[in-house]
Amino acid sequence: MELENIVANTVLLKAREGEGGKRKGRSKKWREMLRFPHISQCIELKNSIERDYFSLCEEQPIGRELFRLFCKTRPELSCCIRLLDAMENYEVMPNEKRKNCGEKIIQQFLNKQSLECVPEVADSYGQKCGQTLQISPCRDLFSDCQKALHEHLSGEPFSAYQASMYFDRFLQWKMLERQPVTKHTFRQYRILGKGGFGEVWACQVRATGKMYACKQMEKKRIKKRKGESMALNEKQILERVNSRFVVSLAYAYETKDLLCLVVTIMNGGDLKFHIYNMGTPGFDRDRVQFYAAEVCCGLEHLHMQSIVYRDLKPENILLDDNGHIRISDLGLAVKQRKGEKVRGRVGTVGYMAPEVISNERYGVSADWWGLGCLIYEMTAGRSPFRAHQEHVRREEVERRVQQLREEYNNKFTEDTQSICRMLLAKDPEQRLGSRSDGVMGVKAHPFFRSIDFKRLEAGILKPSFVPDPRAVYCKDVLDIDQFSTVKGVNLDQIDSNFYAQFSTGCITIPWQNEMIETECFKEVNVFGPDGTRPPDLDWKNVPEVAPRRSLLDRLFKRQQPEVTTMPYSRMSSSTNSVDSLIN
């Protein structure tokens, strides 16, 4: 019914709006859910955690924040952090402003006469960086200086940090991160779509109000289709990926009947919807260029992790609230062993590269072919080897891919046609992206002339199209087909062992980012007055563990109202207040 869809969409939109409301979509009990354990409960973690500077102080978002808070308590370290921030800002400066920015950094932090001079790097890099800046204000001007500064911070400052209350607070956050994840961690809203093993639902974390998409895969359906390795492979690949251009896995858990992956929610719909349902099929050149550049960055990140994606198509490229894209659905992705290529006729008809169709061994070349198909379809409003909604046999489409050249119309500029031809080269060795210059060859193509990739990767460049925040870009709830019941499948101990590998709870970096983005970190991460340790970080004041009451005690306690003894004056005051109300 139409009413059911309206109600489902209204509730979802209300939840999305709640992320910015007074409680920001959080449960009334959110502080209780994020209550720190006493530091005495973190001893085992403190003894076992890997003491790696880059992991604890740079890669992990909460660790980075707490290390910087510690550094601000020491003026000489505070200057180091400000220099690091300034150098990071320099890297994403527009070309015309970079030289002026570099001069200010050298004058402020690498000049011995400056009050904010950082002597650990000023002697070695001040004059050197100044001379290079005058010749060419390149982006990596301060890269050696950054390495040296991190090397300094990883020494005595890192040791001192580990003895401070800020590191103890980090241990408390890590304990919260390790809390069990169940279906009760989330609120569930409307169905968004379906996949091979189950459905995708919108959900919201009760403690923080953060919205996600929950991919729910039926255990019995996975077993019936022998899809255990595929499901586990997707989960393991997703938890390795940390890119603003690929969906992130935040939680993995199980219920009695389901395996659940909680990933980035993309409220703007997929590119296929926008190509064919928003007016004349296809996009203008600037929009094609922007999406292609972000997809290129996503593929670069996957390839750096030795992951071949293998299913690049418009349906798998999703838009977020702000109009940026992410690559989704890594079910067919595969980890490539060093020095080896992969084999498998996997992908979607019309988007598979010739070498995939021929069942030859291949590497990242298959993904660059997919990018060529995507750029072509976004420009022409149809795929290169099959018209939109054309009914044609699989064998015919594969013949076209292997034997025919794609055709170009007047929608293609010279640069657009050039990059499509180079990405759709039949020979994978000659294909752009697969040559010796790799991804840099793709980025350097004239088609991307106006894209500053460093600023794009930092999230600074703004897309030309922003989805309507009041729209739900997915099918009506009743138009999404339901799965039939799986019969004749029984789960056993071997299945339970597999589920244990799958259900690992929170994924570190996305979970910590969630705490920061929703401002829970800011509101909960409170210390004592004048920078002193609060009671929960006091090693000397270990709270006594209350004895566990028996079941009878607890039942009796519920039935008996608490009686509070009050001073006579307060009782009189209360009585007078009640009397006045009665009168």
Protein backbone atom coordinates (compact mmCIF):
# COMPACT_ATOMS: atom_id res chain seq x y z
CA MET A 1 0.00 0.00 0.00
CA GLU A 2 1.07 3.58 -0.69
CA LEU A 3 0.37 4.49 2.93
CA GLU A 4 2.86 1.90 4.18
CA ASN A 5 5.60 3.37 1.99
CA ILE A 6 4.80 6.95 3.10
CA VAL A 7 4.98 5.93 6.75
CA ALA A 8 8.28 4.03 6.23
CA ASN A 9 9.85 6.99 4.40
CA THR A 10 8.59 9.52 6.96
CA VAL A 11 10.05 7.56 9.87
CA LEU A 12 13.39 7.20 8.05
CA LEU A 13 13.57 10.91 7.20
CA LYS A 14 12.74 11.78 10.80
CA ALA A 15 15.60 9.57 11.97
CA ARG A 16 17.99 11.18 9.49
CA GLU A 17 16.95 14.64 10.67
CA GLY A 18 17.42 13.47 14.27
CA GLU A 19 21.17 13.26 13.67
CA GLY A 20 21.21 17.05 13.90
CA GLY A 21 18.51 17.50 16.57
CA LYS A 22 18.83 18.38 20.25
CA ARG A 23 19.63 14.79 21.29
CA LYS A 24 21.09 14.10 17.82
CA GLY A 25 19.18 10.84 17.50
CA ARG A 26 20.74 9.36 20.64
CA SER A 27 18.96 7.17 23.16
CA LYS A 28 17.98 8.76 26.48
CA LYS A 29 20.45 6.35 28.06
CA TRP A 30 23.33 7.13 25.71
CA ARG A 31 25.66 8.29 28.49
CA GLU A 32 25.07 5.05 30.36
CA MET A 33 25.84 3.10 27.16
CA LEU A 34 29.14 4.98 26.83
CA ARG A 35 30.08 4.95 30.51
CA PHE A 36 33.82 4.39 30.94
CA PRO A 37 34.96 1.36 32.94
CA HIS A 38 37.24 2.20 35.86
CA ILE A 39 40.87 2.24 34.74
CA SER A 40 41.58 -0.76 37.01
CA GLN A 41 39.47 -2.85 34.61
CA CYS A 42 41.85 -1.99 31.75
CA ILE A 43 44.99 -3.65 33.18
CA GLU A 44 44.89 -6.64 30.83
CA LEU A 45 44.47 -4.37 27.81
CA LYS A 46 47.25 -2.07 29.01
CA ASN A 47 49.64 -5.02 29.21
CA SER A 48 48.70 -6.51 25.83
CA ILE A 49 48.12 -3.52 23.54
CA GLU A 50 50.74 -3.04 20.82
CA ARG A 51 52.80 0.07 21.59
CA ASP A 52 53.16 1.35 18.03
CA TYR A 53 53.36 5.15 17.69
CA PHE A 54 51.72 5.44 14.27
CA SER A 55 48.86 3.10 15.16
CA LEU A 56 48.12 4.66 18.54
CA CYS A 57 48.81 8.33 17.77
CA GLU A 58 48.09 8.78 14.05
CA GLU A 59 45.98 6.02 12.51
CA GLN A 60 43.37 5.62 15.27
CA PRO A 61 41.23 8.81 15.39
CA ILE A 62 40.61 8.82 19.17
CA GLY A 63 44.25 7.96 19.83
CA ARG A 64 45.27 10.88 17.62
CA GLU A 65 42.96 13.27 19.51
CA LEU A 66 44.18 12.16 22.94
CA PHE A 67 47.87 12.29 21.98
CA ARG A 68 47.35 15.84 20.78
CA LEU A 69 45.57 16.77 24.02
CA PHE A 70 48.59 15.42 25.89
CA CYS A 71 51.00 17.41 23.70
CA LYS A 72 49.09 20.62 24.44
CA THR A 73 50.06 20.26 28.11
CA ARG A 74 53.71 20.80 27.14
CA PRO A 75 54.49 24.01 25.19
CA GLU A 76 57.39 22.51 23.19
CA LEU A 77 55.18 19.60 22.04
CA SER A 78 52.28 21.93 21.31
CA CYS A 79 54.50 23.70 18.75
CA CYS A 80 55.27 20.32 17.15
CA ILE A 81 51.56 19.58 16.71
CA ARG A 82 50.87 23.01 15.24
CA LEU A 83 53.72 22.48 12.78
CA LEU A 84 52.31 19.08 11.75
CA ASP A 85 48.87 20.64 11.19
CA ALA A 86 50.40 23.50 9.17
CA MET A 87 52.32 21.07 6.94
CA GLU A 88 49.18 18.99 6.33
CA ASN A 89 47.32 22.18 5.40
CA TYR A 90 50.13 23.15 3.02
CA GLU A 91 49.70 19.91 1.05
CA VAL A 92 46.07 20.70 0.17
CA MET A 93 46.56 24.40 -0.57
CA PRO A 94 45.61 25.57 -4.09
CA ASN A 95 48.65 25.99 -6.34
CA GLU A 96 48.49 29.79 -6.30
CA LYS A 97 48.49 29.98 -2.48
CA ARG A 98 51.00 27.26 -1.69
CA LYS A 99 54.18 29.34 -1.86
CA ASN A 100 52.87 32.00 0.52
CA CYS A 101 51.67 29.27 2.92
CA GLY A 102 55.10 27.59 2.84
CA GLU A 103 56.90 30.84 3.60
CA LYS A 104 54.72 31.38 6.69
CA ILE A 105 55.46 27.87 7.95
CA ILE A 106 59.22 28.34 7.57
CA GLN A 107 59.14 31.75 9.22
CA GLN A 108 56.93 30.60 12.13
CA PHE A 109 58.30 27.12 12.94
CA LEU A 110 61.67 26.62 11.18
CA ASN A 111 63.22 30.01 11.99
CA LYS A 112 65.47 30.02 15.08
CA GLN A 113 64.43 33.59 15.88
CA SER A 114 60.75 32.64 16.18
CA LEU A 115 59.17 31.98 19.59
CA GLU A 116 57.41 28.97 18.06
CA CYS A 117 60.54 27.48 16.52
CA VAL A 118 60.72 23.66 16.60
CA PRO A 119 64.48 23.08 17.10
CA GLU A 120 64.22 19.32 16.51
CA VAL A 121 63.70 19.97 12.78
CA ALA A 122 64.59 23.66 12.27
CA ASP A 123 68.37 23.07 12.04
CA SER A 124 68.09 20.32 9.43
CA TYR A 125 65.18 21.51 7.33
CA GLY A 126 64.68 25.28 7.72
CA GLN A 127 67.21 26.45 5.12
CA LYS A 128 66.73 23.40 2.88
CA CYS A 129 62.92 23.84 2.64
CA GLY A 130 63.31 27.60 2.12
CA GLN A 131 65.62 27.14 -0.87
CA THR A 132 63.41 24.45 -2.46
CA LEU A 133 60.31 26.62 -1.96
CA GLN A 134 61.81 29.46 -4.00
CA ILE A 135 62.54 27.06 -6.88
CA SER A 136 59.26 25.13 -6.82
CA PRO A 137 56.51 25.07 -4.15
CA CYS A 138 55.87 21.34 -4.65
CA ARG A 139 53.34 19.49 -2.49
CA ASP A 140 55.91 17.21 -0.88
CA LEU A 141 58.17 20.11 0.18
CA PHE A 142 57.88 19.24 3.89
CA SER A 143 57.64 15.42 3.58
CA ASP A 144 61.14 14.77 5.02
CA CYS A 145 60.50 17.33 7.76
CA GLN A 146 57.24 15.55 8.66
CA LYS A 147 59.01 12.19 8.92
CA ALA A 148 61.69 13.67 11.17
CA LEU A 149 59.12 15.32 13.40
CA HIS A 150 57.13 12.08 13.77
CA GLU A 151 60.38 10.28 14.58
CA HIS A 152 61.03 12.80 17.37
CA LEU A 153 57.47 12.48 18.73
CA SER A 154 57.72 8.68 18.70
CA GLY A 155 60.57 8.86 21.21
CA GLU A 156 60.40 10.52 24.63
CA PRO A 157 57.05 12.29 24.00
CA PHE A 158 55.37 8.97 23.12
CA SER A 159 56.85 7.32 26.23
CA ALA A 160 55.62 10.18 28.42
CA TYR A 161 52.17 9.96 26.81
CA GLN A 162 51.92 6.27 27.75
CA ALA A 163 52.49 7.19 31.40
CA SER A 164 49.81 9.92 31.34
CA MET A 165 46.09 9.96 32.07
CA TYR A 166 45.45 10.64 28.38
CA PHE A 167 46.73 7.19 27.45
CA ASP A 168 44.70 5.68 30.28
CA ARG A 169 41.63 7.39 28.84
CA PHE A 170 42.50 5.88 25.45
CA LEU A 171 42.44 2.44 27.11
CA GLN A 172 38.96 3.21 28.44
CA TRP A 173 37.78 4.09 24.93
CA LYS A 174 39.29 0.85 23.64
CA MET A 175 37.32 -1.07 26.26
CA LEU A 176 34.11 0.62 25.07
CA GLU A 177 35.09 -0.27 21.50
CA ARG A 178 35.29 -3.94 22.58
CA GLN A 179 31.76 -4.04 23.97
CA PRO A 180 29.56 -6.78 22.48
CA VAL A 181 27.50 -5.73 19.45
CA THR A 182 23.99 -7.15 19.06
CA LYS A 183 20.78 -6.21 17.25
CA HIS A 184 19.89 -4.14 20.33
CA THR A 185 22.83 -1.83 19.56
CA PHE A 186 20.68 -0.40 16.73
CA ARG A 187 17.24 0.87 15.81
CA GLN A 188 16.01 -0.52 12.51
CA TYR A 189 14.05 1.47 9.90
CA ARG A 190 12.86 0.71 6.37
CA ILE A 191 14.26 -1.77 3.88
CA LEU A 192 16.54 -0.15 1.28
CA GLY A 193 17.16 -3.05 -1.10
CA LYS A 194 18.18 -6.68 -1.38
CA GLY A 195 21.32 -8.62 -2.24
CA GLY A 196 22.22 -12.21 -3.02
CA PHE A 197 21.87 -13.54 0.52
CA GLY A 198 19.48 -11.12 2.17
CA GLU A 199 18.21 -7.57 2.58
CA VAL A 200 19.67 -4.13 3.33
CA TRP A 201 17.95 -2.01 5.99
CA ALA A 202 18.51 1.50 7.29
CA CYS A 203 19.55 1.50 10.95
CA GLN A 204 20.74 3.89 13.64
CA VAL A 205 23.17 3.39 16.53
CA ARG A 206 21.25 4.02 19.75
CA ALA A 207 24.22 5.41 21.66
CA THR A 208 25.35 7.98 19.07
CA GLY A 209 22.46 8.53 16.65
CA LYS A 210 24.69 7.69 13.66
CA MET A 211 22.81 6.30 10.63
CA TYR A 212 24.09 3.24 8.77
CA ALA A 213 22.95 0.60 6.28
CA CYS A 214 22.72 -2.95 7.66
CA LYS A 215 23.29 -5.77 5.19
CA GLN A 216 21.46 -8.75 6.69
CA MET A 217 22.43 -12.13 5.23
CA GLU A 218 20.39 -15.21 6.11
CA LYS A 219 22.54 -17.97 7.59
CA LYS A 220 20.55 -20.79 6.00
CA ARG A 221 20.53 -19.09 2.58
CA ILE A 222 24.31 -18.66 2.74
CA LYS A 223 24.76 -22.34 3.60
CA LYS A 224 22.32 -23.52 0.92
CA ARG A 225 24.21 -21.56 -1.77
CA LYS A 226 27.65 -22.48 -0.34
CA GLY A 227 28.37 -18.78 0.06
CA GLU A 228 30.33 -18.88 3.34
CA SER A 229 33.69 -18.00 1.79
CA MET A 230 32.13 -15.20 -0.30
CA ALA A 231 30.42 -13.62 2.74
CA LEU A 232 33.55 -13.87 4.90
CA ASN A 233 35.72 -12.56 2.06
CA GLU A 234 33.54 -9.44 1.71
CA LYS A 235 33.67 -8.83 5.46
CA GLN A 236 37.46 -9.25 5.68
CA ILE A 237 38.07 -6.98 2.69
CA LEU A 238 35.70 -4.29 3.98
CA GLU A 239 37.39 -4.14 7.39
CA ARG A 240 40.77 -3.57 5.69
CA VAL A 241 39.50 -0.61 3.68
CA ASN A 242 39.62 2.91 5.07
CA SER A 243 38.86 5.38 2.27
CA ARG A 244 36.38 8.21 1.83
CA PHE A 245 35.68 6.75 -1.64
CA VAL A 246 34.74 3.20 -0.55
CA VAL A 247 31.96 2.26 1.87
CA SER A 248 33.33 1.51 5.35
CA LEU A 249 32.43 -1.43 7.57
CA ALA A 250 31.65 -0.19 11.09
CA TYR A 251 30.18 -3.29 12.80
CA ALA A 252 29.88 -7.03 12.13
CA TYR A 253 27.56 -9.13 14.30
CA GLU A 254 25.13 -12.03 14.21
CA THR A 255 21.63 -12.85 15.39
CA LYS A 256 20.00 -16.26 15.63
CA ASP A 257 19.17 -16.26 11.90
CA LEU A 258 21.31 -13.52 10.34
CA LEU A 259 24.86 -12.36 9.72
CA CYS A 260 24.95 -8.56 9.66
CA LEU A 261 27.38 -6.07 8.13
CA VAL A 262 26.76 -2.47 9.20
CA VAL A 263 28.24 -0.12 6.60
CA THR A 264 28.21 3.53 5.53
CA ILE A 265 24.70 4.62 4.56
CA MET A 266 24.50 6.44 1.23
CA ASN A 267 21.26 8.41 1.15
CA GLY A 268 21.70 9.86 -2.35
CA GLY A 269 20.91 6.72 -4.35
CA ASP A 270 23.08 5.00 -6.97
CA LEU A 271 24.46 6.40 -10.23
CA LYS A 272 22.21 4.19 -12.37
CA PHE A 273 19.15 5.89 -10.86
CA HIS A 274 20.59 9.35 -11.49
CA ILE A 275 21.76 8.55 -15.03
CA TYR A 276 18.35 7.29 -16.21
CA ASN A 277 15.71 8.83 -13.93
CA MET A 278 16.61 12.49 -13.55
CA GLY A 279 15.81 13.95 -16.98
CA THR A 280 17.81 13.31 -20.15
CA PRO A 281 19.98 10.19 -19.64
CA GLY A 282 23.58 10.99 -18.76
CA PHE A 283 25.42 13.84 -17.04
CA ASP A 284 27.24 16.98 -18.12
CA ARG A 285 31.03 16.80 -18.51
CA ASP A 286 31.92 18.40 -15.15
CA ARG A 287 29.75 15.95 -13.24
CA VAL A 288 31.15 12.96 -15.16
CA GLN A 289 34.67 14.19 -14.47
CA PHE A 290 34.04 14.64 -10.73
CA TYR A 291 32.49 11.19 -10.22
CA ALA A 292 35.16 9.52 -12.37
CA ALA A 293 37.92 11.20 -10.33
CA GLU A 294 36.42 9.99 -7.03
CA VAL A 295 35.99 6.45 -8.41
CA CYS A 296 39.62 6.60 -9.58
CA CYS A 297 40.69 7.44 -6.00
CA GLY A 298 38.57 4.58 -4.63
CA LEU A 299 40.15 2.10 -7.06
CA GLU A 300 43.61 3.42 -6.20
CA HIS A 301 43.00 2.73 -2.50
CA LEU A 302 41.72 -0.80 -3.21
CA HIS A 303 44.65 -1.56 -5.50
CA MET A 304 47.12 -0.31 -2.87
CA GLN A 305 45.64 -3.02 -0.61
CA SER A 306 46.13 -5.56 -3.46
CA ILE A 307 42.35 -5.80 -3.89
CA VAL A 308 40.81 -6.24 -7.36
CA TYR A 309 37.21 -4.96 -7.24
CA ARG A 310 35.78 -6.72 -10.35
CA ASP A 311 32.24 -5.31 -10.32
CA LEU A 312 32.43 -1.64 -11.30
CA LYS A 313 29.05 -0.46 -12.66
CA PRO A 314 26.65 2.45 -11.99
CA GLU A 315 24.48 0.44 -9.55
CA ASN A 316 27.48 -0.02 -7.25
CA ILE A 317 28.47 3.66 -7.11
CA LEU A 318 26.45 5.39 -4.40
CA LEU A 319 25.98 9.07 -3.49
CA ASP A 320 26.06 10.41 0.06
CA ASP A 321 24.11 13.36 1.49
CA ASN A 322 26.64 15.87 0.15
CA GLY A 323 26.91 14.46 -3.38
CA HIS A 324 30.21 12.57 -2.99
CA ILE A 325 30.40 8.97 -4.20
CA ARG A 326 31.62 5.72 -2.70
CA ILE A 327 32.24 2.32 -4.25
CA SER A 328 29.96 -0.30 -2.65
CA ASP A 329 29.22 -4.04 -2.71
CA LEU A 330 32.61 -5.74 -2.47
CA GLY A 331 31.13 -9.24 -2.66
CA LEU A 332 33.11 -10.09 -5.82
CA ALA A 333 36.33 -8.35 -4.78
CA VAL A 334 39.40 -10.53 -4.37
CA LYS A 335 42.75 -10.19 -2.59
CA GLN A 336 45.59 -10.50 -5.12
CA ARG A 337 48.71 -12.32 -3.96
CA LYS A 338 51.99 -10.57 -4.58
CA GLY A 339 53.32 -11.31 -8.04
CA GLU A 340 50.26 -13.34 -9.03
CA LYS A 341 47.15 -12.62 -11.06
CA VAL A 342 43.62 -13.84 -10.43
CA ARG A 343 41.20 -15.78 -12.59
CA GLY A 344 37.41 -15.98 -12.68
CA ARG A 345 34.52 -15.09 -14.99
CA VAL A 346 32.87 -12.84 -12.43
CA GLY A 347 31.20 -9.47 -12.77
CA THR A 348 28.16 -8.08 -14.59
CA VAL A 349 27.39 -8.70 -18.26
CA GLY A 350 28.37 -5.68 -20.33
CA TYR A 351 30.93 -4.45 -17.79
CA MET A 352 33.36 -7.41 -17.73
CA ALA A 353 36.70 -6.85 -19.46
CA PRO A 354 37.65 -9.02 -22.49
CA GLU A 355 40.28 -10.92 -20.47
CA VAL A 356 37.67 -11.74 -17.79
CA ILE A 357 35.23 -13.06 -20.42
CA SER A 358 38.04 -15.18 -21.93
CA ASN A 359 38.78 -16.61 -18.46
CA GLU A 360 42.41 -15.48 -18.64
CA ARG A 361 44.48 -14.44 -15.66
CA TYR A 362 44.21 -10.71 -14.89
CA GLY A 363 44.90 -8.05 -12.30
CA VAL A 364 43.76 -4.45 -11.83
CA SER A 365 43.26 -4.11 -15.61
CA ALA A 366 39.68 -5.39 -15.15
CA ASP A 367 38.86 -2.43 -12.87
CA TRP A 368 40.25 0.18 -15.29
CA TRP A 369 38.08 -1.33 -18.01
CA GLY A 370 35.13 -0.84 -15.65
CA LEU A 371 36.05 2.83 -15.18
CA GLY A 372 36.03 3.24 -18.98
CA CYS A 373 32.53 1.71 -19.15
CA LEU A 374 31.37 4.01 -16.35
CA ILE A 375 32.69 7.21 -17.94
CA TYR A 376 31.13 6.18 -21.27
CA GLU A 377 27.72 5.45 -19.70
CA MET A 378 27.65 8.64 -17.61
CA THR A 379 28.38 10.62 -20.79
CA ALA A 380 26.27 8.83 -23.40
CA GLY A 381 23.35 7.75 -21.20
CA ARG A 382 23.89 4.13 -22.27
CA SER A 383 26.57 1.48 -21.75
CA PRO A 384 29.23 1.08 -24.46
CA PHE A 385 28.11 -2.35 -25.68
CA ARG A 386 24.39 -2.47 -24.95
CA ALA A 387 21.65 0.15 -25.20
CA HIS A 388 19.60 0.94 -22.09
CA GLN A 389 16.90 -1.75 -21.59
CA GLU A 390 18.02 -3.55 -24.77
CA HIS A 391 17.10 -7.24 -24.55
CA VAL A 392 20.03 -9.20 -25.90
CA ARG A 393 21.58 -12.54 -25.04
CA ARG A 394 24.66 -12.68 -22.81
CA GLU A 395 26.70 -14.33 -25.57
CA GLU A 396 25.95 -11.43 -27.94
CA VAL A 397 27.02 -8.80 -25.40
CA GLU A 398 30.26 -10.70 -24.75
CA ARG A 399 30.92 -10.94 -28.51
CA ARG A 400 30.51 -7.16 -28.82
CA VAL A 401 32.90 -6.56 -25.90
CA GLN A 402 35.58 -8.77 -27.43
CA GLN A 403 35.22 -7.86 -31.10
CA LEU A 404 33.52 -4.48 -31.64
CA ARG A 405 34.73 -0.92 -31.04
CA GLU A 406 32.47 1.36 -29.03
CA GLU A 407 30.82 4.23 -30.90
CA TYR A 408 30.99 7.90 -29.90
CA ASN A 409 28.47 10.69 -30.51
CA ASN A 410 28.62 14.47 -30.11
CA LYS A 411 28.20 14.22 -26.32
CA PHE A 412 31.85 13.20 -26.09
CA THR A 413 34.49 15.92 -26.00
CA GLU A 414 37.91 15.11 -27.42
CA ASP A 415 39.34 14.43 -23.94
CA THR A 416 36.36 12.28 -22.89
CA GLN A 417 36.58 10.17 -26.05
CA SER A 418 40.35 9.84 -25.59
CA ILE A 419 40.19 8.54 -22.03
CA CYS A 420 37.36 6.12 -22.89
CA ARG A 421 39.34 4.69 -25.81
CA MET A 422 42.44 4.26 -23.64
CA LEU A 423 40.51 2.64 -20.75
CA LEU A 424 38.53 0.40 -23.12
CA ALA A 425 41.58 -0.93 -24.95
CA LYS A 426 41.01 -4.64 -25.66
CA ASP A 427 44.61 -5.50 -24.76
CA PRO A 428 45.01 -5.22 -20.96
CA GLU A 429 48.75 -4.51 -21.34
CA GLN A 430 47.97 -1.39 -23.40
CA ARG A 431 45.07 -0.23 -21.22
CA LEU A 432 45.40 3.06 -19.32
CA GLY A 433 45.97 2.27 -15.64
CA SER A 434 47.61 -1.08 -16.41
CA ARG A 435 50.78 0.39 -17.89
CA SER A 436 54.00 1.09 -16.03
CA ASP A 437 52.73 4.49 -14.81
CA GLY A 438 49.67 2.84 -13.18
CA VAL A 439 47.07 5.08 -11.58
CA MET A 440 49.25 8.16 -12.04
CA GLY A 441 48.81 7.74 -15.78
CA VAL A 442 45.04 7.86 -15.35
CA LYS A 443 45.16 10.95 -13.12
CA ALA A 444 47.51 12.71 -15.53
CA HIS A 445 45.17 12.30 -18.50
CA PRO A 446 43.88 15.66 -19.90
CA PHE A 447 40.33 14.58 -19.06
CA PHE A 448 41.22 15.25 -15.37
CA ARG A 449 43.10 18.48 -16.13
CA SER A 450 40.93 20.61 -13.83
CA ILE A 451 40.91 18.13 -10.89
CA ASP A 452 43.27 18.79 -7.98
CA PHE A 453 43.48 15.21 -6.69
CA LYS A 454 45.14 16.13 -3.39
CA ARG A 455 42.26 18.47 -2.52
CA LEU A 456 39.75 15.91 -3.79
CA GLU A 457 41.23 13.22 -1.53
CA ALA A 458 41.04 15.63 1.42
CA GLY A 459 37.30 16.17 0.78
CA ILE A 460 37.77 19.85 -0.01
CA LEU A 461 36.37 19.92 -3.57
CA LYS A 462 32.59 20.34 -3.73
CA PRO A 463 30.34 18.34 -6.09
CA SER A 464 28.06 20.21 -8.49
CA PHE A 465 25.03 18.08 -7.57
CA VAL A 466 23.72 17.58 -4.03
CA PRO A 467 20.86 15.07 -3.45
CA ASP A 468 17.57 16.36 -2.03
CA PRO A 469 17.73 15.71 1.76
CA ARG A 470 13.94 15.23 1.84
CA ALA A 471 13.97 12.46 -0.79
CA VAL A 472 14.39 8.70 -0.30
CA TYR A 473 16.33 7.46 -3.32
CA CYS A 474 15.28 3.80 -3.34
CA LYS A 475 12.36 1.62 -4.40
CA ASP A 476 9.07 1.64 -2.52
CA VAL A 477 9.08 -0.88 0.32
CA LEU A 478 6.48 -3.07 -1.40
CA ASP A 479 8.38 -3.04 -4.71
CA ILE A 480 11.36 -4.79 -3.12
CA ASP A 481 10.77 -8.52 -3.53
CA GLN A 482 10.87 -10.63 -0.41
CA PHE A 483 12.96 -13.78 -0.15
CA SER A 484 11.23 -17.14 0.11
CA THR A 485 11.78 -19.24 3.24
CA VAL A 486 14.80 -21.51 3.10
CA LYS A 487 13.83 -25.11 3.86
CA GLY A 488 15.79 -28.28 4.45
CA VAL A 489 18.93 -26.59 5.82
CA ASN A 490 20.22 -27.24 9.35
CA LEU A 491 23.01 -25.30 11.05
CA ASP A 492 25.71 -27.18 13.01
CA GLN A 493 28.93 -26.59 14.98
CA ILE A 494 30.99 -26.05 11.82
CA ASP A 495 28.65 -23.19 10.96
CA SER A 496 29.07 -21.74 14.46
CA ASN A 497 32.86 -21.73 14.02
CA PHE A 498 32.41 -19.76 10.80
CA TYR A 499 30.06 -17.26 12.48
CA ALA A 500 32.70 -16.64 15.17
CA GLN A 501 35.13 -15.47 12.46
CA PHE A 502 32.45 -13.20 11.04
CA SER A 503 30.99 -11.58 14.17
CA THR A 504 33.85 -9.44 15.42
CA GLY A 505 31.89 -6.43 16.70
CA CYS A 506 33.19 -2.88 16.19
CA ILE A 507 35.71 -2.01 13.49
CA THR A 508 38.30 0.29 15.07
CA ILE A 509 38.70 3.32 12.78
CA PRO A 510 35.03 3.71 11.67
CA TRP A 511 33.84 3.28 15.29
CA GLN A 512 36.27 5.89 16.60
CA ASN A 513 35.33 8.26 13.77
CA GLU A 514 31.68 7.79 14.72
CA MET A 515 32.41 8.82 18.32
CA ILE A 516 34.15 11.99 17.10
CA GLU A 517 31.73 12.94 14.30
CA THR A 518 28.65 12.60 16.54
CA GLU A 519 30.40 14.68 19.26
CA CYS A 520 30.08 11.87 21.81
CA PHE A 521 33.86 12.01 22.23
CA LYS A 522 33.71 15.72 22.99
CA GLU A 523 30.91 15.36 25.54
CA VAL A 524 32.15 12.23 27.32
CA ASN A 525 35.90 12.79 27.23
CA VAL A 526 36.00 14.99 30.36
CA PHE A 527 38.89 15.21 32.84
CA GLY A 528 39.13 16.59 36.37
CA PRO A 529 39.48 20.29 37.26
CA ASP A 530 42.79 21.93 36.26
CA GLY A 531 43.86 18.89 34.26
CA THR A 532 43.68 16.42 37.14
CA ARG A 533 42.66 12.77 36.97
CA PRO A 534 38.92 12.17 37.40
CA PRO A 535 37.83 9.35 39.79
CA ASP A 536 37.47 6.80 36.97
CA LEU A 537 41.17 7.28 36.07
CA ASP A 538 42.44 7.14 39.67
CA TRP A 539 44.51 3.96 40.08
CA LYS A 540 44.58 4.44 43.87
CA ASN A 541 40.80 4.65 44.25
CA VAL A 542 39.59 1.28 42.98
CA PRO A 543 35.81 0.98 43.47
CA GLU A 544 34.52 -2.01 45.38
CA VAL A 545 32.55 -4.50 43.36
CA ALA A 546 29.01 -4.72 44.76
CA PRO A 547 28.08 -8.31 45.69
CA ARG A 548 25.66 -9.90 43.24
CA ARG A 549 22.19 -10.10 44.76
CA SER A 550 20.17 -13.29 44.56
CA LEU A 551 17.13 -13.57 42.32
CA LEU A 552 14.78 -13.47 45.35
CA ASP A 553 16.46 -10.27 46.58
CA ARG A 554 15.96 -8.60 43.23
CA LEU A 555 12.33 -9.66 42.95
CA PHE A 556 11.60 -8.47 46.48
CA LYS A 557 13.38 -5.17 45.83
CA ARG A 558 11.15 -4.49 42.82
CA GLN A 559 7.99 -4.97 44.89
CA GLN A 560 9.02 -2.79 47.83
CA PRO A 561 9.11 0.98 47.23
CA GLU A 562 12.17 2.71 48.61
CA VAL A 563 11.60 4.66 51.83
CA THR A 564 13.78 7.72 52.21
CA THR A 565 14.36 9.33 55.60
CA MET A 566 14.22 13.13 55.29
CA PRO A 567 15.00 15.94 57.72
CA TYR A 568 11.89 17.30 59.47
CA SER A 569 12.15 20.70 57.86
CA ARG A 570 12.25 19.19 54.34
CA MET A 571 9.28 16.93 55.17
CA SER A 572 7.28 19.89 56.37
CA SER A 573 8.10 21.81 53.26
CA SER A 574 6.98 18.92 51.08
CA THR A 575 3.77 18.52 53.04
CA ASN A 576 2.98 22.22 52.72
CA SER A 577 3.53 22.03 48.98
CA VAL A 578 1.10 19.11 48.64
CA ASP A 579 -1.48 20.81 50.91
CA SER A 580 -1.32 23.93 48.81
CA LEU A 581 -1.97 21.89 45.66
CA ILE A 582 -4.96 20.16 47.27
CA ASN A 583 -6.40 23.45 48.35
